[in-house]
C-alpha atoms as a PDB file:
ATOM      1  CA  MET A   1     -55.782 -76.459  24.224  1.00  0.00           C
ATOM      2  CA  LEU A   2     -57.536 -73.376  22.879  1.00  0.00           C
ATOM      3  CA  HIS A   3     -55.554 -70.205  21.995  1.00  0.00           C
ATOM      4  CA  PHE A   4     -56.968 -66.781  21.381  1.00  0.00           C
ATOM      5  CA  TYR A   5     -55.068 -64.108  19.485  1.00  0.00           C
ATOM      6  CA  ILE A   6     -55.927 -60.473  19.316  1.00  0.00           C
ATOM      7  CA  TYR A   7     -54.376 -58.414  16.567  1.00  0.00           C
ATOM      8  CA  ILE A   8     -54.329 -54.694  16.980  1.00  0.00           C
ATOM      9  CA  CYS A   9     -54.057 -52.965  13.666  1.00  0.00           C
ATOM     10  CA  SER A  10     -53.401 -49.265  13.567  1.00  0.00           C
ATOM     11  CA  ILE A  11     -52.258 -47.028  10.751  1.00  0.00           C
ATOM     12  CA  SER A  12     -51.139 -43.449  10.710  1.00  0.00           C
ATOM     13  CA  ILE A  13     -52.121 -41.043   7.953  1.00  0.00           C
ATOM     14  CA  LEU A  14     -51.330 -37.400   7.236  1.00  0.00           C
ATOM     15  CA  LEU A  15     -54.335 -35.100   7.123  1.00  0.00           C
ATOM     16  CA  LYS A  16     -53.275 -32.290   4.767  1.00  0.00           C
ATOM     17  CA  THR A  17     -54.899 -28.920   5.398  1.00  0.00           C
ATOM     18  CA  LYS A  18     -54.105 -25.341   4.302  1.00  0.00           C
ATOM     19  CA  TYR A  19     -55.164 -22.264   6.256  1.00  0.00           C
ATOM     20  CA  SER A  20     -54.881 -18.768   4.700  1.00  0.00           C
ATOM     21  CA  TYR A  21     -54.853 -15.424   6.512  1.00  0.00           C
ATOM     22  CA  ASN A  22     -54.849 -11.944   4.963  1.00  0.00           C
ATOM     23  CA  VAL A  23     -53.495  -9.638   7.661  1.00  0.00           C
ATOM     24  CA  ASN A  24     -53.959  -5.848   7.503  1.00  0.00           C
ATOM     25  CA  LEU A  25     -52.271  -4.520  10.671  1.00  0.00           C
ATOM     26  CA  GLY A  26     -54.001  -7.007  12.969  1.00  0.00           C
ATOM     27  CA  LEU A  27     -56.085 -10.172  12.958  1.00  0.00           C
ATOM     28  CA  GLN A  28     -57.081 -12.833  15.454  1.00  0.00           C
ATOM     29  CA  SER A  29     -58.194 -16.242  14.226  1.00  0.00           C
ATOM     30  CA  GLU A  30     -58.510 -19.862  15.296  1.00  0.00           C
ATOM     31  CA  LEU A  31     -56.676 -22.855  13.852  1.00  0.00           C
ATOM     32  CA  TYR A  32     -57.614 -26.364  14.944  1.00  0.00           C
ATOM     33  CA  ASN A  33     -54.754 -28.863  15.245  1.00  0.00           C
ATOM     34  CA  ARG A  34     -56.340 -32.160  14.166  1.00  0.00           C
ATOM     35  CA  SER A  35     -53.297 -34.267  15.043  1.00  0.00           C
ATOM     36  CA  THR A  36     -53.618 -37.208  17.409  1.00  0.00           C
ATOM     37  CA  HIS A  37     -50.030 -36.533  18.519  1.00  0.00           C
ATOM     38  CA  CYS A  38     -49.930 -35.138  22.066  1.00  0.00           C
ATOM     39  CA  GLY A  39     -46.982 -32.799  21.502  1.00  0.00           C
ATOM     40  CA  HIS A  40     -46.554 -29.611  19.501  1.00  0.00           C
ATOM     41  CA  PHE A  41     -47.010 -29.499  15.736  1.00  0.00           C
ATOM     42  CA  LEU A  42     -44.844 -27.249  13.541  1.00  0.00           C
ATOM     43  CA  PRO A  43     -46.574 -26.221  10.292  1.00  0.00           C
ATOM     44  CA  LYS A  44     -44.805 -24.965   7.171  1.00  0.00           C
ATOM     45  CA  ILE A  45     -45.681 -21.284   6.701  1.00  0.00           C
ATOM     46  CA  ARG A  46     -45.535 -19.234   3.482  1.00  0.00           C
ATOM     47  CA  ILE A  47     -45.605 -15.440   3.912  1.00  0.00           C
ATOM     48  CA  THR A  48     -46.285 -13.171   0.911  1.00  0.00           C
ATOM     49  CA  ASP A  49     -47.528  -9.655   0.103  1.00  0.00           C
ATOM     50  CA  ILE A  50     -45.392  -8.114   2.845  1.00  0.00           C
ATOM     51  CA  SER A  51     -46.060  -4.362   3.210  1.00  0.00           C
ATOM     52  CA  SER A  52     -44.997  -1.723   5.685  1.00  0.00           C
ATOM     53  CA  GLY A  53     -47.212  -1.537   8.745  1.00  0.00           C
ATOM     54  CA  LEU A  54     -47.028   0.259  12.072  1.00  0.00           C
ATOM     55  CA  ALA A  55     -43.732  -1.479  12.909  1.00  0.00           C
ATOM     56  CA  GLY A  56     -42.153  -1.210   9.435  1.00  0.00           C
ATOM     57  CA  ARG A  57     -41.814  -4.382   7.346  1.00  0.00           C
ATOM     58  CA  SER A  58     -42.464  -6.825  10.176  1.00  0.00           C
ATOM     59  CA  VAL A  59     -44.425 -10.046  10.466  1.00  0.00           C
ATOM     60  CA  SER A  60     -45.650 -11.322  13.814  1.00  0.00           C
ATOM     61  CA  PHE A  61     -47.918 -14.113  14.944  1.00  0.00           C
ATOM     62  CA  LYS A  62     -48.595 -15.161  18.512  1.00  0.00           C
ATOM     63  CA  ASN A  63     -50.209 -18.390  19.589  1.00  0.00           C
ATOM     64  CA  LEU A  64     -52.250 -17.362  22.613  1.00  0.00           C
ATOM     65  CA  SER A  65     -52.961 -21.065  23.248  1.00  0.00           C
ATOM     66  CA  ASP A  66     -49.217 -21.720  23.635  1.00  0.00           C
ATOM     67  CA  GLY A  67     -48.561 -19.168  26.371  1.00  0.00           C
ATOM     68  CA  GLY A  68     -48.438 -16.223  23.929  1.00  0.00           C
ATOM     69  CA  ARG A  69     -45.406 -17.623  22.085  1.00  0.00           C
ATOM     70  CA  GLU A  70     -44.532 -15.103  19.354  1.00  0.00           C
ATOM     71  CA  THR A  71     -42.904 -15.725  16.000  1.00  0.00           C
ATOM     72  CA  LEU A  72     -41.374 -12.445  14.803  1.00  0.00           C
ATOM     73  CA  LEU A  73     -39.554 -11.334  11.674  1.00  0.00           C
ATOM     74  CA  ALA A  74     -38.652  -7.643  12.093  1.00  0.00           C
ATOM     75  CA  ASP A  75     -37.080  -5.154   9.660  1.00  0.00           C
ATOM     76  CA  ILE A  76     -37.493  -7.431   6.635  1.00  0.00           C
ATOM     77  CA  PRO A  77     -35.383  -6.127   3.698  1.00  0.00           C
ATOM     78  CA  SER A  78     -37.395  -4.432   0.934  1.00  0.00           C
ATOM     79  CA  GLY A  79     -36.425  -6.952  -1.786  1.00  0.00           C
ATOM     80  CA  VAL A  80     -38.043  -9.842   0.082  1.00  0.00           C
ATOM     81  CA  SER A  81     -41.600 -10.576  -1.112  1.00  0.00           C
ATOM     82  CA  GLU A  82     -41.945 -14.248  -0.148  1.00  0.00           C
ATOM     83  CA  ILE A  83     -40.727 -16.079   2.951  1.00  0.00           C
ATOM     84  CA  ILE A  84     -41.004 -19.804   3.672  1.00  0.00           C
ATOM     85  CA  LEU A  85     -40.668 -21.011   7.279  1.00  0.00           C
ATOM     86  CA  ASP A  86     -39.983 -24.744   7.188  1.00  0.00           C
ATOM     87  CA  GLN A  87     -40.302 -25.071  10.918  1.00  0.00           C
ATOM     88  CA  GLN A  88     -39.790 -28.821  11.235  1.00  0.00           C
ATOM     89  CA  ARG A  89     -36.346 -28.430   9.661  1.00  0.00           C
ATOM     90  CA  GLY A  90     -35.668 -25.005  11.220  1.00  0.00           C
ATOM     91  CA  VAL A  91     -35.048 -23.392   7.821  1.00  0.00           C
ATOM     92  CA  ILE A  92     -36.074 -19.940   6.568  1.00  0.00           C
ATOM     93  CA  THR A  93     -35.891 -19.253   2.812  1.00  0.00           C
ATOM     94  CA  ASN A  94     -36.974 -16.276   0.727  1.00  0.00           C
ATOM     95  CA  ASN A  95     -37.165 -15.115  -2.874  1.00  0.00           C
ATOM     96  CA  ALA A  96     -34.239 -12.653  -2.606  1.00  0.00           C
ATOM     97  CA  GLY A  97     -31.695 -14.970  -0.972  1.00  0.00           C
ATOM     98  CA  GLU A  98     -31.372 -12.654   2.046  1.00  0.00           C
ATOM     99  CA  ASN A  99     -30.212 -13.907   5.436  1.00  0.00           C
ATOM    100  CA  LEU A 100     -33.396 -13.483   7.466  1.00  0.00           C
ATOM    101  CA  TYR A 101     -32.032 -15.149  10.585  1.00  0.00           C
ATOM    102  CA  ASP A 102     -30.828 -11.680  11.650  1.00  0.00           C
ATOM    103  CA  CYS A 103     -34.491 -10.542  11.549  1.00  0.00           C
ATOM    104  CA  PHE A 104     -35.862 -13.612  13.334  1.00  0.00           C
ATOM    105  CA  ASN A 105     -36.477 -14.128  17.059  1.00  0.00           C
ATOM    106  CA  PHE A 106     -35.940 -17.942  16.756  1.00  0.00           C
ATOM    107  CA  GLN A 107     -39.373 -18.736  18.196  1.00  0.00           C
ATOM    108  CA  PHE A 108     -41.081 -20.968  15.640  1.00  0.00           C
ATOM    109  CA  CYS A 109     -44.882 -21.027  15.704  1.00  0.00           C
ATOM    110  CA  ARG A 110     -45.984 -24.203  17.456  1.00  0.00           C
ATOM    111  CA  LEU A 111     -49.527 -25.527  17.418  1.00  0.00           C
ATOM    112  CA  VAL A 112     -50.843 -27.217  20.525  1.00  0.00           C
ATOM    113  CA  ARG A 113     -53.251 -30.116  20.230  1.00  0.00           C
ATOM    114  CA  GLY A 114     -56.808 -28.922  19.622  1.00  0.00           C
ATOM    115  CA  ASN A 115     -57.814 -25.292  19.211  1.00  0.00           C
ATOM    116  CA  ASN A 116     -55.152 -22.593  18.734  1.00  0.00           C
ATOM    117  CA  ILE A 117     -55.914 -18.881  18.933  1.00  0.00           C
ATOM    118  CA  LEU A 118     -53.512 -17.009  16.661  1.00  0.00           C
ATOM    119  CA  GLN A 119     -52.954 -13.261  16.817  1.00  0.00           C
ATOM    120  CA  PHE A 120     -51.304 -11.687  13.757  1.00  0.00           C
ATOM    121  CA  SER A 121     -49.815  -8.220  13.344  1.00  0.00           C
ATOM    122  CA  GLY A 122     -48.295  -6.525  10.308  1.00  0.00           C
ATOM    123  CA  ARG A 123     -49.429  -6.402   6.678  1.00  0.00           C
ATOM    124  CA  PHE A 124     -48.999  -9.701   4.855  1.00  0.00           C
ATOM    125  CA  THR A 125     -50.649 -12.894   3.686  1.00  0.00           C
ATOM    126  CA  ALA A 126     -49.826 -16.117   5.525  1.00  0.00           C
ATOM    127  CA  GLU A 127     -50.549 -19.679   4.459  1.00  0.00           C
ATOM    128  CA  PHE A 128     -50.162 -22.476   7.018  1.00  0.00           C
ATOM    129  CA  PHE A 129     -49.556 -25.862   5.388  1.00  0.00           C
ATOM    130  CA  CYS A 130     -50.366 -28.578   7.891  1.00  0.00           C
ATOM    131  CA  GLU A 131     -49.883 -32.308   7.524  1.00  0.00           C
ATOM    132  CA  PHE A 132     -51.429 -33.481  10.778  1.00  0.00           C
ATOM    133  CA  PRO A 133     -50.434 -37.050  11.740  1.00  0.00           C
ATOM    134  CA  VAL A 134     -53.613 -38.925  12.612  1.00  0.00           C
ATOM    135  CA  ASN A 135     -53.777 -42.474  13.954  1.00  0.00           C
ATOM    136  CA  MET A 136     -56.614 -44.667  12.700  1.00  0.00           C
ATOM    137  CA  GLY A 137     -57.656 -48.121  13.717  1.00  0.00           C
ATOM    138  CA  ALA A 138     -57.730 -50.017  16.960  1.00  0.00           C
END
């Protein structure tokens, strides 16, 4: 009797990528989600150099590829100069220890699979830290 065995070997790795955006009132840019996961991806976002813009000290980014979903932090207190959005854990931290949940619209920035068109408004610098899960192998 002859037996054949097929072994399927697959591994998953994290593809680490950082995207930086310097926003002066408005900016539109593309970010490619390299994940092989079919669902949404939630990057960690670091916001610095926050200045007053047309809408005061506000930070906004919309993902036009996700139905125009907008992440908004409005009326940010003047002592806050750095904000970290750890979206996978749903946590917002900042350098001044302020409660920014009162400023937040509770719409975390999701990335769809493939190309994402992001529209930024305000005056700030944003860094998107992405660890895209990628499957490799058979």
